Amino acid sequence: MQSKISKITVLLVFSLFFSFIISGAETVKTPAEETNYTQYSQYEKITEFLSRVSHLSKKTKVQIVGQTRERRNYPSKDIYLCIISEEGTDSPHKLNRKKPTFLLVAAQHGNEQSAKEAALWLIRDLATGKLEALVKKVNFLIIPQANPYGSFFNQRRNEQNLDLNRDHVKLEAPEVEAIIMFSEPGCLK
């Protein structure tokens, strides 16, 4: 009798523990959600959000893949890449090649804020298990904010006054160099 009660107690404790973890993961909010959409997500809050999500999910890794240039009164910022895979791979080069890999780059134009917000939702939903079936079939590489400077000032161009969408040939912007690293055919081999 005592061992049955102990087993039931252990199962109950584990189920409560795991339901707490799962319910906690579901309540992760993006920075915009935290402000009830009164502000767009900005670099510092995005950094905190990505750190929180990557700690909640073994399937999510965050890498720094580039850095913006420093500008008077605006320091250099890291450019983040979220790697979300069933295996929890920490590098795009180690992804399971038997699965397709989906690359999403948001906010190349700093004044197009909604793509960044949608990318953060997607990262959260992939990382916390809401889209578990999709993560089993597809690898995800997501750069949620390619142009932190433009985003901060709500302008299209970056700190060099370059339109990132038009720089994919000349490669003058460090932000575009970070994007190109993952979008060239064969770059992940």
Protein backbone atom coordinates (compact mmCIF):
# COMPACT_ATOMS: atom_id res chain seq x y z
CA MET A 1 0.00 0.00 0.00
CA GLN A 2 2.78 2.42 0.95
CA SER A 3 4.60 1.92 -2.39
CA LYS A 4 1.37 2.59 -4.34
CA ILE A 5 0.88 5.87 -2.46
CA SER A 6 4.52 6.82 -3.08
CA LYS A 7 4.18 6.07 -6.80
CA ILE A 8 0.97 8.08 -7.01
CA THR A 9 2.58 10.96 -5.11
CA VAL A 10 5.61 10.93 -7.40
CA LEU A 11 3.39 10.85 -10.51
CA LEU A 12 1.27 13.69 -9.16
CA VAL A 13 4.32 15.82 -8.35
CA PHE A 14 5.80 15.19 -11.81
CA SER A 15 2.55 15.97 -13.59
CA LEU A 16 2.13 19.20 -11.61
CA PHE A 17 5.75 20.12 -12.32
CA PHE A 18 5.41 19.50 -16.07
CA SER A 19 2.05 21.25 -16.30
CA PHE A 20 3.65 24.25 -14.56
CA ILE A 21 6.49 24.24 -17.09
CA ILE A 22 4.11 23.91 -20.02
CA SER A 23 1.72 26.58 -18.77
CA GLY A 24 4.68 28.88 -18.08
CA ALA A 25 5.91 28.40 -21.64
CA GLU A 26 2.48 29.27 -23.02
CA THR A 27 2.44 32.57 -21.15
CA VAL A 28 5.67 33.87 -22.69
CA LYS A 29 4.81 37.20 -24.22
CA THR A 30 6.63 39.12 -26.90
CA PRO A 31 7.79 42.62 -25.94
CA ALA A 32 4.89 44.17 -27.88
CA GLU A 33 2.40 41.90 -26.12
CA GLU A 34 3.86 42.93 -22.76
CA THR A 35 3.01 46.57 -23.54
CA ASN A 36 -0.44 45.62 -24.87
CA TYR A 37 0.82 46.70 -28.31
CA THR A 38 1.42 50.29 -27.28
CA GLN A 39 5.08 50.02 -28.37
CA TYR A 40 6.97 48.13 -31.02
CA SER A 41 9.55 45.63 -29.80
CA GLN A 42 12.99 47.22 -29.63
CA TYR A 43 16.47 45.74 -29.52
CA GLU A 44 16.99 45.50 -25.75
CA LYS A 45 13.59 43.89 -25.15
CA ILE A 46 14.09 41.55 -28.12
CA THR A 47 17.43 40.48 -26.61
CA GLU A 48 15.71 39.67 -23.30
CA PHE A 49 12.86 37.86 -25.06
CA LEU A 50 15.23 35.68 -27.13
CA SER A 51 17.22 34.81 -24.02
CA ARG A 52 14.04 33.83 -22.15
CA VAL A 53 12.70 31.71 -25.03
CA SER A 54 16.02 29.93 -25.63
CA HIS A 55 16.22 29.02 -21.93
CA LEU A 56 12.71 27.56 -22.05
CA SER A 57 13.31 25.44 -25.11
CA LYS A 58 16.01 22.88 -25.81
CA LYS A 59 15.01 23.13 -29.47
CA THR A 60 15.93 26.82 -29.72
CA LYS A 61 19.41 28.28 -29.94
CA VAL A 62 20.29 31.92 -30.49
CA GLN A 63 23.49 33.02 -32.21
CA ILE A 64 24.99 36.40 -32.96
CA VAL A 65 25.62 36.39 -36.72
CA GLY A 66 26.65 39.99 -37.27
CA GLN A 67 26.80 43.43 -35.83
CA THR A 68 25.60 46.82 -37.00
CA ARG A 69 27.99 49.73 -37.25
CA GLU A 70 28.22 52.27 -34.50
CA ARG A 71 26.67 55.61 -35.27
CA ARG A 72 26.89 58.87 -33.38
CA ASN A 73 24.54 58.55 -30.38
CA TYR A 74 23.65 54.97 -31.35
CA PRO A 75 25.90 52.06 -30.35
CA SER A 76 26.55 48.97 -32.45
CA LYS A 77 23.94 46.21 -32.02
CA ASP A 78 24.18 42.45 -32.46
CA ILE A 79 22.14 40.72 -35.15
CA TYR A 80 20.52 37.56 -33.82
CA LEU A 81 19.74 34.32 -35.57
CA CYS A 82 17.29 31.90 -33.93
CA ILE A 83 17.89 28.28 -34.84
CA ILE A 84 14.87 26.13 -34.08
CA SER A 85 15.07 22.42 -34.82
CA GLU A 86 13.76 19.19 -33.38
CA GLU A 87 17.33 18.19 -32.51
CA GLY A 88 18.18 21.50 -30.80
CA THR A 89 21.08 22.12 -33.14
CA ASP A 90 23.31 25.05 -32.19
CA SER A 91 24.56 25.87 -35.70
CA PRO A 92 22.93 26.17 -39.12
CA HIS A 93 25.74 24.03 -40.50
CA LYS A 94 24.71 21.12 -38.24
CA LEU A 95 21.02 21.07 -39.21
CA ASN A 96 19.44 17.82 -40.32
CA ARG A 97 19.75 18.00 -44.13
CA LYS A 98 16.96 15.47 -44.62
CA LYS A 99 14.51 18.19 -43.61
CA PRO A 100 13.79 21.45 -45.42
CA THR A 101 15.13 24.60 -43.79
CA PHE A 102 12.98 27.72 -43.68
CA LEU A 103 14.80 31.09 -43.51
CA LEU A 104 12.89 34.14 -42.34
CA VAL A 105 14.46 37.59 -42.24
CA ALA A 106 12.28 40.28 -40.66
CA ALA A 107 12.64 44.04 -40.42
CA GLN A 108 15.22 44.66 -43.13
CA HIS A 109 13.29 47.88 -43.51
CA GLY A 110 13.17 49.43 -40.07
CA ASN A 111 9.84 51.11 -40.70
CA GLU A 112 8.14 47.78 -41.43
CA GLN A 113 7.59 46.85 -37.82
CA SER A 114 4.84 44.24 -38.15
CA ALA A 115 7.11 41.61 -39.74
CA LYS A 116 9.40 41.79 -36.71
CA GLU A 117 6.44 41.34 -34.36
CA ALA A 118 5.18 38.36 -36.39
CA ALA A 119 8.68 36.81 -36.37
CA LEU A 120 8.79 37.05 -32.57
CA TRP A 121 5.38 35.34 -32.30
CA LEU A 122 6.60 32.61 -34.62
CA ILE A 123 9.79 32.10 -32.59
CA ARG A 124 7.75 31.87 -29.39
CA ASP A 125 5.20 29.45 -30.84
CA LEU A 126 7.86 27.21 -32.39
CA ALA A 127 10.00 27.23 -29.24
CA THR A 128 7.23 26.62 -26.72
CA GLY A 129 5.69 23.66 -28.52
CA LYS A 130 2.58 25.27 -30.00
CA LEU A 131 3.86 24.32 -33.44
CA GLU A 132 5.55 21.07 -32.41
CA ALA A 133 4.34 19.15 -35.51
CA LEU A 134 5.98 21.75 -37.75
CA VAL A 135 9.30 21.65 -35.88
CA LYS A 136 9.38 17.87 -36.39
CA LYS A 137 9.28 18.39 -40.16
CA VAL A 138 11.15 21.65 -40.78
CA ASN A 139 14.27 23.45 -39.51
CA PHE A 140 13.86 27.18 -38.88
CA LEU A 141 16.41 29.99 -39.16
CA ILE A 142 14.90 33.30 -38.11
CA ILE A 143 16.52 36.74 -37.97
CA PRO A 144 13.80 38.67 -36.16
CA GLN A 145 15.31 42.13 -36.57
CA ALA A 146 17.82 42.68 -39.36
CA ASN A 147 17.86 46.48 -38.99
CA PRO A 148 17.84 47.53 -35.31
CA TYR A 149 18.85 51.12 -36.16
CA GLY A 150 16.07 51.62 -38.70
CA SER A 151 13.62 49.96 -36.34
CA PHE A 152 14.57 52.27 -33.47
CA PHE A 153 14.13 55.40 -35.61
CA ASN A 154 11.18 53.89 -37.54
CA GLN A 155 12.91 54.51 -40.86
CA ARG A 156 13.56 52.29 -43.84
CA ARG A 157 17.35 52.66 -43.98
CA ASN A 158 20.12 51.50 -41.65
CA GLU A 159 22.80 53.47 -39.79
CA GLN A 160 24.78 53.87 -43.07
CA ASN A 161 21.71 55.30 -44.80
CA LEU A 162 21.49 52.13 -46.92
CA ASP A 163 18.30 50.39 -47.95
CA LEU A 164 19.18 46.82 -46.93
CA ASN A 165 16.82 45.30 -49.46
CA ARG A 166 18.81 47.02 -52.22
CA ASP A 167 22.25 46.04 -50.85
CA HIS A 168 22.24 42.31 -51.61
CA VAL A 169 24.55 42.81 -54.60
CA LYS A 170 27.09 45.33 -53.32
CA LEU A 171 27.10 43.97 -49.74
CA GLU A 172 28.07 47.25 -48.12
CA ALA A 173 25.97 46.77 -44.98
CA PRO A 174 27.07 44.37 -42.23
CA GLU A 175 23.40 43.48 -41.70
CA VAL A 176 23.16 42.18 -45.28
CA GLU A 177 26.41 40.25 -44.91
CA ALA A 178 24.81 38.46 -41.94
CA ILE A 179 21.68 37.68 -43.98
CA ILE A 180 23.59 36.51 -47.05
CA MET A 181 25.54 34.03 -44.94
CA PHE A 182 22.36 31.91 -44.72
CA SER A 183 20.56 32.66 -47.96
CA GLU A 184 23.10 31.81 -50.66
CA PRO A 185 22.51 28.44 -52.37
CA GLY A 186 24.78 25.87 -50.83
CA CYS A 187 25.90 28.08 -47.95
CA LEU A 188 24.74 25.61 -45.33
CA LYS A 189 26.62 22.63 -46.71
